[in-house]
Amino acid sequence: MNRLDHDVCMAAAQAITEMVAPLLREEEIREFFNLAFGTLEAMLIKRDELLKRERQRLGRPSDN
């Protein structure tokens, strides 16, 4: 994960947290932010894995 991915995760986690913050107690807000950030980070890591696999698959010569 690069710096851009990290910054995007931070911004998205902040936006999501702000949407649900009124429903949370003060001590739950930081915990929710960390959960949201971790989920977004895992999503981008999985995306990178799938892209790498797809590029390898498409880069192989055809059996035809």
Protein backbone atom coordinates (compact mmCIF):
# COMPACT_ATOMS: atom_id res chain seq x y z
CA MET A 1 0.00 0.00 0.00
CA ASN A 2 1.45 3.34 -0.99
CA ARG A 3 1.11 6.82 0.50
CA LEU A 4 -1.80 7.73 -1.77
CA ASP A 5 -3.72 4.63 -0.69
CA HIS A 6 -3.05 5.49 2.95
CA ASP A 7 -4.27 9.06 2.49
CA VAL A 8 -7.42 7.87 0.72
CA CYS A 9 -8.13 5.39 3.52
CA MET A 10 -7.67 8.12 6.12
CA ALA A 11 -10.04 10.49 4.33
CA ALA A 12 -12.67 7.81 3.73
CA ALA A 13 -12.46 6.52 7.32
CA GLN A 14 -12.85 10.08 8.60
CA ALA A 15 -15.89 10.71 6.37
CA ILE A 16 -17.54 7.43 7.42
CA THR A 17 -16.80 8.12 11.09
CA GLU A 18 -18.33 11.59 10.83
CA MET A 19 -21.53 10.05 9.43
CA VAL A 20 -21.99 7.70 12.37
CA ALA A 21 -20.34 9.76 15.14
CA PRO A 22 -23.66 11.17 16.41
CA LEU A 23 -24.75 7.60 17.15
CA LEU A 24 -21.62 6.75 19.13
CA ARG A 25 -20.37 7.55 22.59
CA GLU A 26 -17.23 9.71 22.69
CA GLU A 27 -14.98 6.77 23.57
CA GLU A 28 -16.38 4.70 20.68
CA ILE A 29 -15.57 7.23 17.97
CA ARG A 30 -11.80 6.52 17.87
CA GLU A 31 -12.46 2.77 17.98
CA PHE A 32 -14.90 3.05 15.08
CA PHE A 33 -12.42 5.14 13.08
CA ASN A 34 -9.75 2.47 13.57
CA LEU A 35 -12.16 -0.25 12.45
CA ALA A 36 -13.19 1.72 9.37
CA PHE A 37 -9.56 2.47 8.48
CA GLY A 38 -8.55 -1.17 8.91
CA THR A 39 -11.42 -2.32 6.73
CA LEU A 40 -10.57 0.15 3.98
CA GLU A 41 -6.90 -0.74 4.18
CA ALA A 42 -7.73 -4.46 3.86
CA MET A 43 -9.93 -3.68 0.85
CA LEU A 44 -7.10 -1.89 -0.96
CA ILE A 45 -4.59 -4.62 -0.11
CA LYS A 46 -6.97 -7.24 -1.51
CA ARG A 47 -7.48 -5.08 -4.63
CA ASP A 48 -3.72 -4.99 -5.16
CA GLU A 49 -3.49 -8.78 -4.78
CA LEU A 50 -6.30 -9.33 -7.30
CA LEU A 51 -4.80 -6.85 -9.77
CA LYS A 52 -1.43 -8.57 -9.54
CA ARG A 53 -3.03 -11.96 -10.14
CA GLU A 54 -5.04 -10.59 -13.07
CA ARG A 55 -1.96 -9.01 -14.66
CA GLN A 56 -0.06 -12.29 -14.34
CA ARG A 57 -2.94 -14.21 -15.88
CA LEU A 58 -3.32 -11.81 -18.79
CA GLY A 59 0.43 -11.60 -19.36
CA ARG A 60 0.80 -15.34 -20.09
CA PRO A 61 0.85 -16.51 -23.70
CA SER A 62 -2.31 -18.17 -24.97
CA ASP A 63 -2.54 -21.96 -25.29
CA ASN A 64 -4.13 -21.55 -28.72
